[in-house]
All heavy atoms as atom14 arrays in JSON, in Angstrom:
{
  "sequence": "ATHHAPSSLLPWFLADFDMKYEVLFVNSTSEAAIKLQKGEVD",
  "atom14_mask": [
    [1, 1, 1, 1, 1, 0, 0, 0, 0, 0, 0, 0, 0, 0],
    [1, 1, 1, 1, 1, 1, 1, 0, 0, 0, 0, 0, 0, 0],
    [1, 1, 1, 1, 1, 1, 1, 1, 1, 1, 0, 0, 0, 0],
    [1, 1, 1, 1, 1, 1, 1, 1, 1, 1, 0, 0, 0, 0],
    [1, 1, 1, 1, 1, 0, 0, 0, 0, 0, 0, 0, 0, 0],
    [1, 1, 1, 1, 1, 1, 1, 0, 0, 0, 0, 0, 0, 0],
    [1, 1, 1, 1, 1, 1, 0, 0, 0, 0, 0, 0, 0, 0],
    [1, 1, 1, 1, 1, 1, 0, 0, 0, 0, 0, 0, 0, 0],
    [1, 1, 1, 1, 1, 1, 1, 1, 0, 0, 0, 0, 0, 0],
    [1, 1, 1, 1, 1, 1, 1, 1, 0, 0, 0, 0, 0, 0],
    [1, 1, 1, 1, 1, 1, 1, 0, 0, 0, 0, 0, 0, 0],
    [1, 1, 1, 1, 1, 1, 1, 1, 1, 1, 1, 1, 1, 1],
    [1, 1, 1, 1, 1, 1, 1, 1, 1, 1, 1, 0, 0, 0],
    [1, 1, 1, 1, 1, 1, 1, 1, 0, 0, 0, 0, 0, 0],
    [1, 1, 1, 1, 1, 0, 0, 0, 0, 0, 0, 0, 0, 0],
    [1, 1, 1, 1, 1, 1, 1, 1, 0, 0, 0, 0, 0, 0],
    [1, 1, 1, 1, 1, 1, 1, 1, 1, 1, 1, 0, 0, 0],
    [1, 1, 1, 1, 1, 1, 1, 1, 0, 0, 0, 0, 0, 0],
    [1, 1, 1, 1, 1, 1, 1, 1, 0, 0, 0, 0, 0, 0],
    [1, 1, 1, 1, 1, 1, 1, 1, 1, 0, 0, 0, 0, 0],
    [1, 1, 1, 1, 1, 1, 1, 1, 1, 1, 1, 1, 0, 0],
    [1, 1, 1, 1, 1, 1, 1, 1, 1, 0, 0, 0, 0, 0],
    [1, 1, 1, 1, 1, 1, 1, 0, 0, 0, 0, 0, 0, 0],
    [1, 1, 1, 1, 1, 1, 1, 1, 0, 0, 0, 0, 0, 0],
    [1, 1, 1, 1, 1, 1, 1, 1, 1, 1, 1, 0, 0, 0],
    [1, 1, 1, 1, 1, 1, 1, 0, 0, 0, 0, 0, 0, 0],
    [1, 1, 1, 1, 1, 1, 1, 1, 0, 0, 0, 0, 0, 0],
    [1, 1, 1, 1, 1, 1, 0, 0, 0, 0, 0, 0, 0, 0],
    [1, 1, 1, 1, 1, 1, 1, 0, 0, 0, 0, 0, 0, 0],
    [1, 1, 1, 1, 1, 1, 0, 0, 0, 0, 0, 0, 0, 0],
    [1, 1, 1, 1, 1, 1, 1, 1, 1, 0, 0, 0, 0, 0],
    [1, 1, 1, 1, 1, 0, 0, 0, 0, 0, 0, 0, 0, 0],
    [1, 1, 1, 1, 1, 0, 0, 0, 0, 0, 0, 0, 0, 0],
    [1, 1, 1, 1, 1, 1, 1, 1, 0, 0, 0, 0, 0, 0],
    [1, 1, 1, 1, 1, 1, 1, 1, 1, 0, 0, 0, 0, 0],
    [1, 1, 1, 1, 1, 1, 1, 1, 0, 0, 0, 0, 0, 0],
    [1, 1, 1, 1, 1, 1, 1, 1, 1, 0, 0, 0, 0, 0],
    [1, 1, 1, 1, 1, 1, 1, 1, 1, 0, 0, 0, 0, 0],
    [1, 1, 1, 1, 0, 0, 0, 0, 0, 0, 0, 0, 0, 0],
    [1, 1, 1, 1, 1, 1, 1, 1, 1, 0, 0, 0, 0, 0],
    [1, 1, 1, 1, 1, 1, 1, 0, 0, 0, 0, 0, 0, 0],
    [1, 1, 1, 1, 1, 1, 1, 1, 0, 0, 0, 0, 0, 0]
  ],
  "atom14_positions": [
    [[100.74, 99.07, 106.29], [100.56, 100.48, 106.64], [101.24, 100.79, 107.95], [101.12, 100.02, 108.91], [99.05, 100.78, 106.78], [0.0, 0.0, 0.0], [0.0, 0.0, 0.0], [0.0, 0.0, 0.0], [0.0, 0.0, 0.0], [0.0, 0.0, 0.0], [0.0, 0.0, 0.0], [0.0, 0.0, 0.0], [0.0, 0.0, 0.0], [0.0, 0.0, 0.0]],
    [[101.94, 101.93, 108.0], [102.6, 102.4, 109.19], [102.85, 103.9, 109.18], [102.99, 104.43, 108.14], [103.98, 101.68, 109.36], [104.61, 102.11, 110.53], [104.94, 101.96, 108.21], [0.0, 0.0, 0.0], [0.0, 0.0, 0.0], [0.0, 0.0, 0.0], [0.0, 0.0, 0.0], [0.0, 0.0, 0.0], [0.0, 0.0, 0.0], [0.0, 0.0, 0.0]],
    [[102.89, 104.44, 110.37], [103.39, 105.8, 110.49], [104.91, 105.76, 110.29], [105.54, 104.74, 110.5], [103.08, 106.33, 111.86], [103.46, 107.74, 112.12], [104.56, 108.2, 112.74], [102.84, 108.95, 111.72], [104.68, 109.51, 112.78], [103.62, 109.97, 112.15], [0.0, 0.0, 0.0], [0.0, 0.0, 0.0], [0.0, 0.0, 0.0], [0.0, 0.0, 0.0]],
    [[105.49, 106.84, 109.78], [106.88, 106.86, 109.47], [107.79, 106.57, 110.68], [108.81, 105.92, 110.59], [107.33, 108.19, 108.83], [108.82, 108.17, 108.31], [109.82, 108.51, 109.09], [109.21, 107.83, 107.09], [110.89, 108.42, 108.43], [110.59, 108.0, 107.21], [0.0, 0.0, 0.0], [0.0, 0.0, 0.0], [0.0, 0.0, 0.0], [0.0, 0.0, 0.0]],
    [[107.42, 107.16, 111.87], [108.26, 107.15, 113.0], [108.76, 105.76, 113.43], [109.9, 105.55, 113.67], [107.56, 107.84, 114.22], [0.0, 0.0, 0.0], [0.0, 0.0, 0.0], [0.0, 0.0, 0.0], [0.0, 0.0, 0.0], [0.0, 0.0, 0.0], [0.0, 0.0, 0.0], [0.0, 0.0, 0.0], [0.0, 0.0, 0.0], [0.0, 0.0, 0.0]],
    [[107.83, 104.74, 113.56], [108.29, 103.38, 113.95], [108.66, 102.49, 112.84], [108.96, 101.32, 112.98], [107.1, 102.83, 114.71], [105.95, 103.46, 114.0], [106.4, 104.8, 113.56], [0.0, 0.0, 0.0], [0.0, 0.0, 0.0], [0.0, 0.0, 0.0], [0.0, 0.0, 0.0], [0.0, 0.0, 0.0], [0.0, 0.0, 0.0], [0.0, 0.0, 0.0]],
    [[108.7, 102.97, 111.59], [108.86, 102.12, 110.47], [110.19, 101.39, 110.42], [110.29, 100.33, 109.81], [108.63, 102.88, 109.17], [109.63, 103.95, 109.0], [0.0, 0.0, 0.0], [0.0, 0.0, 0.0], [0.0, 0.0, 0.0], [0.0, 0.0, 0.0], [0.0, 0.0, 0.0], [0.0, 0.0, 0.0], [0.0, 0.0, 0.0], [0.0, 0.0, 0.0]],
    [[111.24, 101.97, 110.97], [112.51, 101.34, 111.07], [112.52, 100.04, 111.85], [113.43, 99.24, 111.77], [113.61, 102.3, 111.6], [113.31, 102.61, 112.91], [0.0, 0.0, 0.0], [0.0, 0.0, 0.0], [0.0, 0.0, 0.0], [0.0, 0.0, 0.0], [0.0, 0.0, 0.0], [0.0, 0.0, 0.0], [0.0, 0.0, 0.0], [0.0, 0.0, 0.0]],
    [[111.45, 99.82, 112.63], [111.32, 98.59, 113.42], [110.72, 97.4, 112.65], [110.74, 96.31, 113.11], [110.45, 98.86, 114.62], [111.05, 99.7, 115.76], [109.97, 99.96, 116.81], [112.23, 98.98, 116.42], [0.0, 0.0, 0.0], [0.0, 0.0, 0.0], [0.0, 0.0, 0.0], [0.0, 0.0, 0.0], [0.0, 0.0, 0.0], [0.0, 0.0, 0.0]],
    [[110.24, 97.66, 111.43], [109.64, 96.55, 110.64], [110.57, 95.37, 110.43], [110.13, 94.26, 110.62], [109.18, 97.15, 109.32], [107.82, 97.89, 109.29], [107.54, 98.52, 107.97], [106.69, 96.89, 109.62], [0.0, 0.0, 0.0], [0.0, 0.0, 0.0], [0.0, 0.0, 0.0], [0.0, 0.0, 0.0], [0.0, 0.0, 0.0], [0.0, 0.0, 0.0]],
    [[111.84, 95.53, 110.09], [112.69, 94.4, 109.96], [112.79, 93.56, 111.22], [112.82, 92.33, 111.19], [114.03, 95.0, 109.55], [113.68, 96.25, 108.89], [112.53, 96.78, 109.64], [0.0, 0.0, 0.0], [0.0, 0.0, 0.0], [0.0, 0.0, 0.0], [0.0, 0.0, 0.0], [0.0, 0.0, 0.0], [0.0, 0.0, 0.0], [0.0, 0.0, 0.0]],
    [[112.78, 94.2, 112.37], [112.84, 93.51, 113.67], [111.58, 92.77, 113.89], [111.59, 91.55, 114.24], [113.15, 94.52, 114.82], [113.3, 93.81, 116.16], [114.43, 93.3, 116.63], [112.27, 93.6, 117.11], [114.22, 92.78, 117.87], [112.89, 92.93, 118.18], [110.91, 93.92, 117.23], [112.17, 92.56, 119.33], [110.2, 93.55, 118.32], [110.88, 92.83, 119.34]],
    [[110.51, 93.42, 113.64], [109.12, 92.76, 113.91], [108.97, 91.54, 113.01], [108.38, 90.56, 113.38], [108.03, 93.73, 113.67], [107.78, 94.75, 114.73], [107.71, 96.11, 114.46], [107.65, 94.39, 116.08], [107.51, 97.03, 115.45], [107.51, 95.32, 117.13], [107.4, 96.63, 116.74], [0.0, 0.0, 0.0], [0.0, 0.0, 0.0], [0.0, 0.0, 0.0]],
    [[109.47, 91.59, 111.78], [109.19, 90.59, 110.82], [110.39, 89.65, 110.54], [110.43, 88.94, 109.55], [108.78, 91.26, 109.49], [107.5, 92.06, 109.55], [107.18, 92.83, 108.29], [106.29, 91.2, 109.94], [0.0, 0.0, 0.0], [0.0, 0.0, 0.0], [0.0, 0.0, 0.0], [0.0, 0.0, 0.0], [0.0, 0.0, 0.0], [0.0, 0.0, 0.0]],
    [[111.35, 89.65, 111.48], [112.54, 88.93, 111.29], [112.32, 87.33, 111.15], [112.98, 86.56, 110.48], [113.5, 89.1, 112.49], [0.0, 0.0, 0.0], [0.0, 0.0, 0.0], [0.0, 0.0, 0.0], [0.0, 0.0, 0.0], [0.0, 0.0, 0.0], [0.0, 0.0, 0.0], [0.0, 0.0, 0.0], [0.0, 0.0, 0.0], [0.0, 0.0, 0.0]],
    [[111.19, 86.93, 111.79], [110.88, 85.43, 111.71], [109.94, 85.1, 110.57], [109.44, 84.0, 110.53], [110.28, 85.05, 113.12], [111.29, 85.1, 114.24], [112.47, 85.01, 114.0], [110.79, 85.39, 115.38], [0.0, 0.0, 0.0], [0.0, 0.0, 0.0], [0.0, 0.0, 0.0], [0.0, 0.0, 0.0], [0.0, 0.0, 0.0], [0.0, 0.0, 0.0]],
    [[109.62, 86.08, 109.79], [108.64, 85.85, 108.64], [109.41, 85.89, 107.34], [110.28, 86.76, 107.08], [107.53, 86.92, 108.64], [106.65, 86.82, 109.86], [106.96, 87.4, 111.04], [105.44, 86.06, 109.83], [106.14, 87.31, 112.18], [104.61, 85.96, 110.86], [104.96, 86.63, 112.06], [0.0, 0.0, 0.0], [0.0, 0.0, 0.0], [0.0, 0.0, 0.0]],
    [[109.02, 85.02, 106.44], [109.58, 85.0, 105.13], [108.55, 85.58, 104.19], [107.66, 84.87, 103.62], [109.93, 83.54, 104.69], [110.53, 83.54, 103.24], [110.99, 84.57, 102.77], [110.52, 82.44, 102.63], [0.0, 0.0, 0.0], [0.0, 0.0, 0.0], [0.0, 0.0, 0.0], [0.0, 0.0, 0.0], [0.0, 0.0, 0.0], [0.0, 0.0, 0.0]],
    [[108.6, 86.87, 104.03], [107.55, 87.57, 103.28], [108.12, 88.78, 102.56], [109.08, 89.38, 103.0], [106.41, 87.97, 104.14], [106.68, 89.1, 105.11], [105.25, 89.8, 105.94], [104.58, 88.39, 106.84], [0.0, 0.0, 0.0], [0.0, 0.0, 0.0], [0.0, 0.0, 0.0], [0.0, 0.0, 0.0], [0.0, 0.0, 0.0], [0.0, 0.0, 0.0]],
    [[107.58, 89.05, 101.39], [107.86, 90.31, 100.66], [106.79, 91.31, 101.08], [105.62, 90.99, 101.1], [107.91, 90.03, 99.18], [109.02, 89.12, 98.69], [108.96, 88.97, 97.19], [110.08, 88.02, 96.71], [110.08, 87.77, 95.29], [0.0, 0.0, 0.0], [0.0, 0.0, 0.0], [0.0, 0.0, 0.0], [0.0, 0.0, 0.0], [0.0, 0.0, 0.0]],
    [[107.18, 92.5, 101.27], [106.26, 93.53, 101.58], [106.65, 94.94, 101.06], [107.78, 95.22, 100.82], [106.0, 93.6, 103.13], [107.24, 93.98, 103.92], [107.51, 95.3, 104.18], [108.1, 93.01, 104.5], [108.66, 95.69, 104.93], [109.17, 93.35, 105.21], [109.42, 94.69, 105.45], [110.59, 95.05, 106.2], [0.0, 0.0, 0.0], [0.0, 0.0, 0.0]],
    [[105.57, 95.72, 100.88], [105.72, 97.16, 100.59], [105.14, 97.98, 101.69], [104.16, 97.56, 102.35], [105.05, 97.39, 99.25], [105.51, 96.58, 98.04], [104.61, 96.83, 96.88], [103.8, 97.81, 96.78], [104.59, 95.92, 95.96], [0.0, 0.0, 0.0], [0.0, 0.0, 0.0], [0.0, 0.0, 0.0], [0.0, 0.0, 0.0], [0.0, 0.0, 0.0]],
    [[105.69, 99.16, 101.88], [105.31, 99.98, 103.0], [104.5, 101.17, 102.45], [104.8, 101.84, 101.55], [106.5, 100.56, 103.78], [106.04, 101.51, 104.85], [107.34, 99.45, 104.37], [0.0, 0.0, 0.0], [0.0, 0.0, 0.0], [0.0, 0.0, 0.0], [0.0, 0.0, 0.0], [0.0, 0.0, 0.0], [0.0, 0.0, 0.0], [0.0, 0.0, 0.0]],
    [[103.3, 101.3, 103.14], [102.37, 102.46, 102.81], [102.44, 103.35, 104.1], [102.03, 102.99, 105.16], [100.99, 102.0, 102.65], [99.92, 103.1, 102.45], [100.19, 103.9, 101.17], [98.48, 102.53, 102.43], [0.0, 0.0, 0.0], [0.0, 0.0, 0.0], [0.0, 0.0, 0.0], [0.0, 0.0, 0.0], [0.0, 0.0, 0.0], [0.0, 0.0, 0.0]],
    [[102.99, 104.53, 103.93], [103.05, 105.47, 105.03], [101.73, 106.15, 105.22], [101.2, 106.72, 104.23], [104.24, 106.5, 104.79], [105.61, 105.9, 104.98], [106.42, 105.8, 103.85], [106.02, 105.38, 106.18], [107.7, 105.17, 103.98], [107.22, 104.78, 106.28], [108.1, 104.73, 105.2], [0.0, 0.0, 0.0], [0.0, 0.0, 0.0], [0.0, 0.0, 0.0]],
    [[101.32, 106.29, 106.49], [100.06, 107.0, 106.81], [100.38, 108.0, 107.97], [101.47, 107.96, 108.46], [98.94, 105.97, 107.23], [98.57, 105.1, 106.01], [99.41, 105.08, 108.34], [0.0, 0.0, 0.0], [0.0, 0.0, 0.0], [0.0, 0.0, 0.0], [0.0, 0.0, 0.0], [0.0, 0.0, 0.0], [0.0, 0.0, 0.0], [0.0, 0.0, 0.0]],
    [[99.34, 108.67, 108.4], [99.58, 109.76, 109.35], [99.71, 109.28, 110.78], [100.17, 110.17, 111.67], [98.46, 110.8, 109.27], [98.53, 111.57, 107.99], [99.63, 111.92, 107.45], [97.39, 111.88, 107.35], [0.0, 0.0, 0.0], [0.0, 0.0, 0.0], [0.0, 0.0, 0.0], [0.0, 0.0, 0.0], [0.0, 0.0, 0.0], [0.0, 0.0, 0.0]],
    [[99.26, 108.07, 111.14], [99.38, 107.63, 112.54], [99.2, 106.12, 112.54], [98.77, 105.52, 111.57], [98.25, 108.27, 113.38], [96.99, 107.77, 113.05], [0.0, 0.0, 0.0], [0.0, 0.0, 0.0], [0.0, 0.0, 0.0], [0.0, 0.0, 0.0], [0.0, 0.0, 0.0], [0.0, 0.0, 0.0], [0.0, 0.0, 0.0], [0.0, 0.0, 0.0]],
    [[99.63, 105.54, 113.74], [99.41, 104.09, 113.89], [97.98, 103.71, 113.95], [97.59, 102.64, 113.55], [100.19, 103.66, 115.17], [99.78, 104.52, 116.27], [101.65, 103.77, 114.98], [0.0, 0.0, 0.0], [0.0, 0.0, 0.0], [0.0, 0.0, 0.0], [0.0, 0.0, 0.0], [0.0, 0.0, 0.0], [0.0, 0.0, 0.0], [0.0, 0.0, 0.0]],
    [[97.14, 104.6, 114.41], [95.69, 104.28, 114.4], [95.12, 104.28, 113.08], [94.3, 103.48, 112.67], [94.98, 105.3, 115.33], [95.29, 105.08, 116.72], [0.0, 0.0, 0.0], [0.0, 0.0, 0.0], [0.0, 0.0, 0.0], [0.0, 0.0, 0.0], [0.0, 0.0, 0.0], [0.0, 0.0, 0.0], [0.0, 0.0, 0.0], [0.0, 0.0, 0.0]],
    [[95.58, 105.26, 112.22], [95.11, 105.27, 110.83], [95.56, 104.0, 110.12], [94.8, 103.42, 109.3], [95.66, 106.44, 110.05], [95.13, 106.53, 108.68], [95.69, 107.7, 107.82], [96.37, 108.52, 108.44], [95.56, 107.66, 106.61], [0.0, 0.0, 0.0], [0.0, 0.0, 0.0], [0.0, 0.0, 0.0], [0.0, 0.0, 0.0], [0.0, 0.0, 0.0]],
    [[96.76, 103.48, 110.53], [97.23, 102.25, 109.92], [96.36, 101.07, 110.28], [95.92, 100.22, 109.42], [98.62, 101.93, 110.42], [0.0, 0.0, 0.0], [0.0, 0.0, 0.0], [0.0, 0.0, 0.0], [0.0, 0.0, 0.0], [0.0, 0.0, 0.0], [0.0, 0.0, 0.0], [0.0, 0.0, 0.0], [0.0, 0.0, 0.0], [0.0, 0.0, 0.0]],
    [[95.91, 101.01, 111.56], [94.97, 99.94, 111.98], [93.59, 100.09, 111.33], [92.97, 99.02, 110.97], [94.83, 100.05, 113.55], [0.0, 0.0, 0.0], [0.0, 0.0, 0.0], [0.0, 0.0, 0.0], [0.0, 0.0, 0.0], [0.0, 0.0, 0.0], [0.0, 0.0, 0.0], [0.0, 0.0, 0.0], [0.0, 0.0, 0.0], [0.0, 0.0, 0.0]],
    [[93.13, 101.27, 111.14], [91.85, 101.46, 110.48], [91.89, 101.06, 109.02], [90.93, 100.38, 108.56], [91.44, 102.95, 110.57], [91.12, 103.32, 112.03], [90.2, 103.26, 109.76], [90.94, 104.83, 112.3], [0.0, 0.0, 0.0], [0.0, 0.0, 0.0], [0.0, 0.0, 0.0], [0.0, 0.0, 0.0], [0.0, 0.0, 0.0], [0.0, 0.0, 0.0]],
    [[93.0, 101.32, 108.35], [93.15, 100.89, 106.9], [93.16, 99.31, 106.89], [92.62, 98.72, 105.93], [94.41, 101.45, 106.33], [94.28, 102.96, 105.88], [95.45, 103.36, 105.12], [95.2, 104.77, 104.53], [94.08, 104.82, 103.56], [0.0, 0.0, 0.0], [0.0, 0.0, 0.0], [0.0, 0.0, 0.0], [0.0, 0.0, 0.0], [0.0, 0.0, 0.0]],
    [[93.83, 98.69, 107.84], [93.79, 97.21, 107.87], [92.39, 96.72, 108.16], [91.88, 95.8, 107.5], [94.74, 96.73, 109.03], [94.85, 95.23, 109.24], [95.28, 94.48, 107.96], [95.76, 94.88, 110.34], [0.0, 0.0, 0.0], [0.0, 0.0, 0.0], [0.0, 0.0, 0.0], [0.0, 0.0, 0.0], [0.0, 0.0, 0.0], [0.0, 0.0, 0.0]],
    [[91.67, 97.31, 109.16], [90.39, 96.87, 109.48], [89.43, 96.92, 108.25], [88.54, 96.13, 108.01], [89.83, 97.74, 110.62], [88.41, 97.39, 111.06], [87.84, 98.48, 111.95], [87.79, 99.71, 111.59], [87.43, 98.1, 113.1], [0.0, 0.0, 0.0], [0.0, 0.0, 0.0], [0.0, 0.0, 0.0], [0.0, 0.0, 0.0], [0.0, 0.0, 0.0]],
    [[89.64, 98.01, 107.43], [88.77, 98.24, 106.29], [89.18, 97.37, 105.05], [88.5, 97.43, 104.03], [88.83, 99.7, 105.86], [88.12, 100.65, 106.87], [88.15, 102.05, 106.37], [87.39, 103.03, 107.31], [87.47, 104.44, 106.83], [0.0, 0.0, 0.0], [0.0, 0.0, 0.0], [0.0, 0.0, 0.0], [0.0, 0.0, 0.0], [0.0, 0.0, 0.0]],
    [[90.32, 96.68, 105.19], [90.75, 95.82, 104.07], [91.56, 96.51, 103.03], [91.7, 95.96, 101.91], [0.0, 0.0, 0.0], [0.0, 0.0, 0.0], [0.0, 0.0, 0.0], [0.0, 0.0, 0.0], [0.0, 0.0, 0.0], [0.0, 0.0, 0.0], [0.0, 0.0, 0.0], [0.0, 0.0, 0.0], [0.0, 0.0, 0.0], [0.0, 0.0, 0.0]],
    [[91.99, 97.74, 103.32], [92.73, 98.48, 102.34], [94.22, 98.08, 102.27], [94.9, 98.4, 101.33], [92.63, 100.03, 102.71], [91.21, 100.43, 102.59], [91.11, 101.94, 103.08], [92.2, 102.62, 103.15], [89.96, 102.46, 103.25], [0.0, 0.0, 0.0], [0.0, 0.0, 0.0], [0.0, 0.0, 0.0], [0.0, 0.0, 0.0], [0.0, 0.0, 0.0]],
    [[94.7, 97.38, 103.34], [96.04, 96.87, 103.39], [96.1, 95.47, 103.94], [95.04, 95.03, 104.45], [97.03, 97.78, 104.2], [97.14, 99.19, 103.58], [96.52, 97.94, 105.6], [0.0, 0.0, 0.0], [0.0, 0.0, 0.0], [0.0, 0.0, 0.0], [0.0, 0.0, 0.0], [0.0, 0.0, 0.0], [0.0, 0.0, 0.0], [0.0, 0.0, 0.0]],
    [[97.2, 94.76, 103.92], [97.28, 93.46, 104.35], [97.7, 93.36, 105.83], [97.32, 92.49, 106.6], [98.34, 92.61, 103.55], [97.91, 92.61, 102.1], [96.87, 92.08, 101.75], [98.72, 93.15, 101.26], [0.0, 0.0, 0.0], [0.0, 0.0, 0.0], [0.0, 0.0, 0.0], [0.0, 0.0, 0.0], [0.0, 0.0, 0.0], [0.0, 0.0, 0.0]]
  ]
}
């Protein structure tokens, strides 16, 4: 989960990880953290 604005940084953040992922756009970075906390995203 991510807000659209910083989403282009995902490849940089995950450069050292070998993982497949899908992006779920939400309205803010805090909403992204809340969705993670609730178990709605990984």
